C-alpha cells in the first residue's frame, strides 16, 4: 500500500515540474544553414550551392523588376 501511495505521489509531483519558458531559438538563418551544408562534403552539397545561386539570382531579378515598376 505504501509503495502505491509513494508511486502516485511521485507521478503527481513529476507532472508539476517546471517547463522551459521559451523553446531554444536558432541563431542561423535558413540561407546561412544552406550555405554551411553547401560548403560541406555531404552528398548533394553541390546541388544546394546551385539552388542557392538560382535563388539569389531570382531575388536580384525580382528587385530589378520591382525597381522598374516603382519608377513608372
PDB file of N, CA and C in Angstrom:
ATOM      1  N   UNK A   1       0.820  -1.182   0.000  1.00  0.00           N
ATOM      2  CA  UNK A   1       0.000   0.000   0.000  1.00  0.00           C
ATOM      3  C   UNK A   1       0.871   1.256   0.000  1.00  0.00           C
ATOM      4  N   UNK A   2       1.917   1.234   0.837  1.00  0.00           N
ATOM      5  CA  UNK A   2       2.816   2.395   0.888  1.00  0.00           C
ATOM      6  C   UNK A   2       3.515   2.613  -0.443  1.00  0.00           C
ATOM      7  N   UNK A   3       3.830   1.538  -1.127  1.00  0.00           N
ATOM      8  CA  UNK A   3       4.507   1.636  -2.421  1.00  0.00           C
ATOM      9  C   UNK A   3       3.587   2.300  -3.439  1.00  0.00           C
ATOM     10  N   UNK A   4       2.323   1.957  -3.426  1.00  0.00           N
ATOM     11  CA  UNK A   4       1.367   2.531  -4.372  1.00  0.00           C
ATOM     12  C   UNK A   4       1.181   4.023  -4.090  1.00  0.00           C
ATOM     13  N   UNK A   5       1.056   4.386  -2.823  1.00  0.00           N
ATOM     14  CA  UNK A   5       0.902   5.795  -2.452  1.00  0.00           C
ATOM     15  C   UNK A   5       2.152   6.577  -2.852  1.00  0.00           C
ATOM     16  N   UNK A   6       3.310   6.022  -2.612  1.00  0.00           N
ATOM     17  CA  UNK A   6       4.565   6.692  -2.967  1.00  0.00           C
ATOM     18  C   UNK A   6       4.675   6.853  -4.487  1.00  0.00           C
ATOM     19  N   UNK A   7       4.271   5.834  -5.227  1.00  0.00           N
ATOM     20  CA  UNK A   7       4.329   5.916  -6.692  1.00  0.00           C
ATOM     21  C   UNK A   7       3.357   6.972  -7.202  1.00  0.00           C
ATOM     22  N   UNK A   8       2.172   7.053  -6.615  1.00  0.00           N
ATOM     23  CA  UNK A   8       1.197   8.076  -7.016  1.00  0.00           C
ATOM     24  C   UNK A   8       1.716   9.471  -6.719  1.00  0.00           C
ATOM     25  N   UNK A   9       2.296   9.671  -5.539  1.00  0.00           N
ATOM     26  CA  UNK A   9       2.851  10.981  -5.189  1.00  0.00           C
ATOM     27  C   UNK A   9       4.003  11.360  -6.118  1.00  0.00           C
ATOM     28  N   UNK A  10       4.813  10.401  -6.461  1.00  0.00           N
ATOM     29  CA  UNK A  10       5.929  10.659  -7.373  1.00  0.00           C
ATOM     30  C   UNK A  10       5.413  11.039  -8.760  1.00  0.00           C
ATOM     31  N   UNK A  11       4.395  10.343  -9.234  1.00  0.00           N
ATOM     32  CA  UNK A  11       3.827  10.640 -10.554  1.00  0.00           C
ATOM     33  C   UNK A  11       3.182  12.017 -10.564  1.00  0.00           C
ATOM     34  N   UNK A  12       2.478  12.374  -9.510  1.00  0.00           N
ATOM     35  CA  UNK A  12       1.843  13.684  -9.431  1.00  0.00           C
ATOM     36  C   UNK A  12       2.871  14.805  -9.352  1.00  0.00           C
ATOM     37  N   UNK A  13       3.939  14.591  -8.601  1.00  0.00           N
ATOM     38  CA  UNK A  13       4.964  15.644  -8.484  1.00  0.00           C
ATOM     39  C   UNK A  13       5.750  15.797  -9.787  1.00  0.00           C
ATOM     40  N   UNK A  14       5.913  14.723 -10.529  1.00  0.00           N
ATOM     41  CA  UNK A  14       6.613  14.820 -11.810  1.00  0.00           C
ATOM     42  C   UNK A  14       5.775  15.593 -12.815  1.00  0.00           C
ATOM     43  N   UNK A  15       4.473  15.500 -12.723  1.00  0.00           N
ATOM     44  CA  UNK A  15       3.591  16.232 -13.625  1.00  0.00           C
ATOM     45  C   UNK A  15       3.587  17.723 -13.363  1.00  0.00           C
ATOM     46  N   UNK A  16       4.021  18.141 -12.200  1.00  0.00           N
ATOM     47  CA  UNK A  16       4.035  19.558 -11.839  1.00  0.00           C
ATOM     48  C   UNK A  16       5.404  20.199 -12.056  1.00  0.00           C
ATOM     49  N   UNK A  17       6.297  19.511 -12.701  1.00  0.00           N
ATOM     50  CA  UNK A  17       7.637  20.039 -12.909  1.00  0.00           C
ATOM     51  C   UNK A  17       7.593  21.263 -13.812  1.00  0.00           C
ATOM     52  N   UNK A  18       8.521  22.193 -13.598  1.00  0.00           N
ATOM     53  CA  UNK A  18       8.595  23.400 -14.419  1.00  0.00           C
ATOM     54  C   UNK A  18       8.970  23.041 -15.846  1.00  0.00           C
ATOM     55  N   UNK A  19       8.330  23.719 -16.762  1.00  0.00           N
ATOM     56  CA  UNK A  19       8.646  23.553 -18.175  1.00  0.00           C
ATOM     57  C   UNK A  19       9.478  24.745 -18.614  1.00  0.00           C
ATOM     58  N   UNK A  20      10.309  24.596 -19.623  1.00  0.00           N
ATOM     59  CA  UNK A  20      11.093  25.737 -20.101  1.00  0.00           C
ATOM     60  C   UNK A  20      10.164  26.861 -20.557  1.00  0.00           C
ATOM     61  N   UNK A  21      10.529  28.094 -20.242  1.00  0.00           N
ATOM     62  CA  UNK A  21       9.693  29.247 -20.560  1.00  0.00           C
ATOM     63  C   UNK A  21       9.560  29.428 -22.068  1.00  0.00           C
ATOM     64  N   UNK A  22      10.668  29.357 -22.788  1.00  0.00           N
ATOM     65  CA  UNK A  22      10.644  29.508 -24.230  1.00  0.00           C
ATOM     66  C   UNK A  22      11.523  28.428 -24.847  1.00  0.00           C
ATOM     67  N   UNK A  23      11.137  27.924 -25.995  1.00  0.00           N
ATOM     68  CA  UNK A  23      11.998  26.946 -26.661  1.00  0.00           C
ATOM     69  C   UNK A  23      13.282  27.621 -27.149  1.00  0.00           C
ATOM     70  N   UNK A  24      14.306  26.834 -27.273  1.00  0.00           N
ATOM     71  CA  UNK A  24      15.583  27.367 -27.752  1.00  0.00           C
ATOM     72  C   UNK A  24      15.417  27.865 -29.186  1.00  0.00           C
ATOM     73  N   UNK A  25      15.876  29.074 -29.438  1.00  0.00           N
ATOM     74  CA  UNK A  25      15.773  29.628 -30.783  1.00  0.00           C
ATOM     75  C   UNK A  25      17.068  29.374 -31.540  1.00  0.00           C
ATOM     76  N   UNK A  26      16.948  29.286 -32.831  1.00  0.00           N
ATOM     77  CA  UNK A  26      18.098  29.033 -33.682  1.00  0.00           C
ATOM     78  C   UNK A  26      18.688  30.364 -34.124  1.00  0.00           C
ATOM     79  N   UNK A  27      20.000  30.485 -34.061  1.00  0.00           N
ATOM     80  CA  UNK A  27      20.634  31.763 -34.377  1.00  0.00           C
ATOM     81  C   UNK A  27      20.990  31.898 -35.859  1.00  0.00           C
ATOM     82  N   UNK A  28      20.913  30.821 -36.618  1.00  0.00           N
ATOM     83  CA  UNK A  28      21.265  30.882 -38.038  1.00  0.00           C
ATOM     84  C   UNK A  28      20.021  31.022 -38.898  1.00  0.00           C
ATOM     85  N   UNK A  29      20.133  31.827 -39.946  1.00  0.00           N
ATOM     86  CA  UNK A  29      19.034  31.940 -40.900  1.00  0.00           C
ATOM     87  C   UNK A  29      19.050  30.723 -41.813  1.00  0.00           C
ATOM     88  N   UNK A  30      17.990  30.548 -42.569  1.00  0.00           N
ATOM     89  CA  UNK A  30      17.907  29.412 -43.498  1.00  0.00           C
ATOM     90  C   UNK A  30      19.018  29.490 -44.546  1.00  0.00           C
ATOM     91  N   UNK A  31      19.297  30.701 -45.024  1.00  0.00           N
ATOM     92  CA  UNK A  31      20.346  30.886 -46.030  1.00  0.00           C
ATOM     93  C   UNK A  31      21.710  30.498 -45.456  1.00  0.00           C
ATOM     94  N   UNK A  32      21.960  30.860 -44.190  1.00  0.00           N
ATOM     95  CA  UNK A  32      23.237  30.508 -43.564  1.00  0.00           C
ATOM     96  C   UNK A  32      23.367  28.999 -43.380  1.00  0.00           C
ATOM     97  N   UNK A  33      22.279  28.357 -42.988  1.00  0.00           N
ATOM     98  CA  UNK A  33      22.312  26.899 -42.834  1.00  0.00           C
ATOM     99  C   UNK A  33      22.592  26.226 -44.169  1.00  0.00           C
ATOM    100  N   UNK A  34      21.908  26.704 -45.228  1.00  0.00           N
ATOM    101  CA  UNK A  34      22.120  26.126 -46.550  1.00  0.00           C
ATOM    102  C   UNK A  34      23.551  26.356 -47.021  1.00  0.00           C
ATOM    103  N   UNK A  35      24.122  27.503 -46.675  1.00  0.00           N
ATOM    104  CA  UNK A  35      25.499  27.793 -47.052  1.00  0.00           C
ATOM    105  C   UNK A  35      26.468  26.827 -46.376  1.00  0.00           C
ATOM    106  N   UNK A  36      26.220  26.549 -45.111  1.00  0.00           N
ATOM    107  CA  UNK A  36      27.074  25.599 -44.381  1.00  0.00           C
ATOM    108  C   UNK A  36      26.970  24.214 -45.010  1.00  0.00           C
ATOM    109  N   UNK A  37      25.768  23.802 -45.352  1.00  0.00           N
ATOM    110  CA  UNK A  37      25.580  22.495 -45.987  1.00  0.00           C
ATOM    111  C   UNK A  37      26.257  22.474 -47.351  1.00  0.00           C
ATOM    112  N   UNK A  38      26.119  23.559 -48.101  1.00  0.00           N
ATOM    113  CA  UNK A  38      26.715  23.621 -49.429  1.00  0.00           C
ATOM    114  C   UNK A  38      28.233  23.560 -49.408  1.00  0.00           C
ATOM    115  N   UNK A  39      28.840  24.033 -48.342  1.00  0.00           N
ATOM    116  CA  UNK A  39      30.300  24.018 -48.242  1.00  0.00           C
ATOM    117  C   UNK A  39      30.831  22.702 -47.697  1.00  0.00           C
ATOM    118  N   UNK A  40      29.935  21.834 -47.251  1.00  0.00           N
ATOM    119  CA  UNK A  40      30.375  20.555 -46.692  1.00  0.00           C
ATOM    120  C   UNK A  40      30.641  19.551 -47.808  1.00  0.00           C
ATOM    121  N   UNK A  41      31.083  18.396 -47.419  1.00  0.00           N
ATOM    122  CA  UNK A  41      31.343  17.321 -48.391  1.00  0.00           C
ATOM    123  C   UNK A  41      30.216  16.292 -48.397  1.00  0.00           C
ATOM    124  N   UNK A  42      29.061  16.707 -47.906  1.00  0.00           N
ATOM    125  CA  UNK A  42      27.915  15.802 -47.897  1.00  0.00           C
ATOM    126  C   UNK A  42      27.439  15.534 -49.317  1.00  0.00           C
ATOM    127  N   UNK A  43      26.863  14.365 -49.553  1.00  0.00           N
ATOM    128  CA  UNK A  43      26.295  14.100 -50.870  1.00  0.00           C
ATOM    129  C   UNK A  43      25.173  15.100 -51.160  1.00  0.00           C
ATOM    130  N   UNK A  44      25.196  15.679 -52.331  1.00  0.00           N
ATOM    131  CA  UNK A  44      24.175  16.646 -52.711  1.00  0.00           C
ATOM    132  C   UNK A  44      24.510  18.081 -52.350  1.00  0.00           C
ATOM    133  N   UNK A  45      25.669  18.316 -51.759  1.00  0.00           N
ATOM    134  CA  UNK A  45      26.043  19.672 -51.352  1.00  0.00           C
ATOM    135  C   UNK A  45      26.196  20.585 -52.565  1.00  0.00           C
ATOM    136  N   UNK A  46      26.674  20.044 -53.677  1.00  0.00           N
ATOM    137  CA  UNK A  46      26.804  20.869 -54.888  1.00  0.00           C
ATOM    138  C   UNK A  46      25.437  21.316 -55.378  1.00  0.00           C
ATOM    139  N   UNK A  47      24.451  20.469 -55.229  1.00  0.00           N
ATOM    140  CA  UNK A  47      23.086  20.826 -55.605  1.00  0.00           C
ATOM    141  C   UNK A  47      22.532  21.947 -54.743  1.00  0.00           C
ATOM    142  N   UNK A  48      22.893  21.942 -53.470  1.00  0.00           N
ATOM    143  CA  UNK A  48      22.467  23.012 -52.571  1.00  0.00           C
ATOM    144  C   UNK A  48      23.091  24.330 -53.010  1.00  0.00           C
ATOM    145  N   UNK A  49      24.371  24.297 -53.376  1.00  0.00           N
ATOM    146  CA  UNK A  49      25.031  25.521 -53.856  1.00  0.00           C
ATOM    147  C   UNK A  49      24.367  26.037 -55.125  1.00  0.00           C
ATOM    148  N   UNK A  50      24.034  25.146 -56.042  1.00  0.00           N
ATOM    149  CA  UNK A  50      23.372  25.559 -57.276  1.00  0.00           C
ATOM    150  C   UNK A  50      22.001  26.165 -57.005  1.00  0.00           C
ATOM    151  N   UNK A  51      21.264  25.567 -56.089  1.00  0.00           N
ATOM    152  CA  UNK A  51      19.940  26.092 -55.751  1.00  0.00           C
ATOM    153  C   UNK A  51      20.053  27.463 -55.089  1.00  0.00           C
ATOM    154  N   UNK A  52      21.079  27.649 -54.283  1.00  0.00           N
ATOM    155  CA  UNK A  52      21.272  28.954 -53.635  1.00  0.00           C
ATOM    156  C   UNK A  52      21.629  30.022 -54.659  1.00  0.00           C
ATOM    157  N   UNK A  53      22.465  29.672 -55.643  1.00  0.00           N
ATOM    158  CA  UNK A  53      22.802  30.638 -56.702  1.00  0.00           C
ATOM    159  C   UNK A  53      21.556  31.018 -57.491  1.00  0.00           C
ATOM    160  N   UNK A  54      20.729  30.028 -57.788  1.00  0.00           N
ATOM    161  CA  UNK A  54      19.496  30.279 -58.514  1.00  0.00           C
ATOM    162  C   UNK A  54      18.558  31.174 -57.706  1.00  0.00           C
ATOM    163  N   UNK A  55      18.444  30.909 -56.423  1.00  0.00           N
ATOM    164  CA  UNK A  55      17.590  31.719 -55.553  1.00  0.00           C
ATOM    165  C   UNK A  55      18.103  33.153 -55.468  1.00  0.00           C
ATOM    166  N   UNK A  56      19.408  33.322 -55.343  1.00  0.00           N
ATOM    167  CA  UNK A  56      19.983  34.661 -55.258  1.00  0.00           C
ATOM    168  C   UNK A  56      19.776  35.439 -56.559  1.00  0.00           C
ATOM    169  N   UNK A  57      19.961  34.776 -57.691  1.00  0.00           N
ATOM    170  CA  UNK A  57      19.782  35.480 -58.969  1.00  0.00           C
ATOM    171  C   UNK A  57      18.314  35.828 -59.187  1.00  0.00           C
ATOM    172  N   UNK A  58      17.409  34.976 -58.734  1.00  0.00           N
ATOM    173  CA  UNK A  58      15.981  35.282 -58.848  1.00  0.00           C
ATOM    174  C   UNK A  58      15.613  36.469 -57.960  1.00  0.00           C
ATOM    175  N   UNK A  59      16.223  36.559 -56.784  1.00  0.00           N
ATOM    176  CA  UNK A  59      15.951  37.690 -55.891  1.00  0.00           C
ATOM    177  C   UNK A  59      16.448  38.995 -56.496  1.00  0.00           C
ATOM    178  N   UNK A  60      17.615  38.963 -57.142  1.00  0.00           N
ATOM    179  CA  UNK A  60      18.145  40.155 -57.801  1.00  0.00           C
ATOM    180  C   UNK A  60      17.233  40.563 -58.951  1.00  0.00           C
ATOM    181  N   UNK A  61      16.779  39.583 -59.722  1.00  0.00           N
ATOM    182  CA  UNK A  61      15.881  39.866 -60.839  1.00  0.00           C
ATOM    183  C   UNK A  61      14.569  40.481 -60.342  1.00  0.00           C
ATOM    184  N   UNK A  62      14.005  39.923 -59.276  1.00  0.00           N
ATOM    185  CA  UNK A  62      12.770  40.475 -58.710  1.00  0.00           C
ATOM    186  C   UNK A  62      12.976  41.907 -58.225  1.00  0.00           C
ATOM    187  N   UNK A  63      14.121  42.190 -57.608  1.00  0.00           N
ATOM    188  CA  UNK A  63      14.407  43.541 -57.130  1.00  0.00           C
ATOM    189  C   UNK A  63      14.501  44.514 -58.298  1.00  0.00           C
ATOM    190  N   UNK A  64      15.151  44.077 -59.389  1.00  0.00           N
ATOM    191  CA  UNK A  64      15.231  44.927 -60.583  1.00  0.00           C
ATOM    192  C   UNK A  64      13.860  45.209 -61.166  1.00  0.00           C
ATOM    193  N   UNK A  65      13.044  44.171 -61.272  1.00  0.00           N
ATOM    194  CA  UNK A  65      11.693  44.334 -61.810  1.00  0.00           C
ATOM    195  C   UNK A  65      10.855  45.248 -60.911  1.00  0.00           C
ATOM    196  N   UNK A  66      11.021  45.112 -59.618  1.00  0.00           N
ATOM    197  CA  UNK A  66      10.288  45.953 -58.672  1.00  0.00           C
ATOM    198  C   UNK A  66      10.727  47.395 -58.803  1.00  0.00           C
ATOM    199  N   UNK A  67      12.023  47.627 -58.985  1.00  0.00           N
ATOM    200  CA  UNK A  67      12.522  48.982 -59.138  1.00  0.00           C
ATOM    201  C   UNK A  67      11.988  49.626 -60.413  1.00  0.00           C
ATOM    202  N   UNK A  68      11.872  48.850 -61.481  1.00  0.00           N
ATOM    203  CA  UNK A  68      11.331  49.370 -62.734  1.00  0.00           C
ATOM    204  C   UNK A  68       9.850  49.703 -62.567  1.00  0.00           C
ATOM    205  N   UNK A  69       9.098  48.817 -61.917  1.00  0.00           N
ATOM    206  CA  UNK A  69       7.665  49.066 -61.752  1.00  0.00           C
ATOM    207  C   UNK A  69       7.401  50.219 -60.786  1.00  0.00           C
ATOM    208  N   UNK A  70       8.274  50.450 -59.823  1.00  0.00           N
ATOM    209  CA  UNK A  70       8.103  51.558 -58.893  1.00  0.00           C
ATOM    210  C   UNK A  70       8.418  52.901 -59.550  1.00  0.00           C
ATOM    211  N   UNK A  71       9.300  52.897 -60.527  1.00  0.00           N
ATOM    212  CA  UNK A  71       9.712  54.160 -61.159  1.00  0.00           C
ATOM    213  C   UNK A  71       8.708  54.635 -62.203  1.00  0.00           C
ATOM    214  N   UNK A  72       7.818  53.772 -62.654  1.00  0.00           N
ATOM    215  CA  UNK A  72       6.847  54.189 -63.679  1.00  0.00           C
ATOM    216  C   UNK A  72       5.565  54.689 -63.067  1.00  0.00           C
TER     217      UNK A  72
END
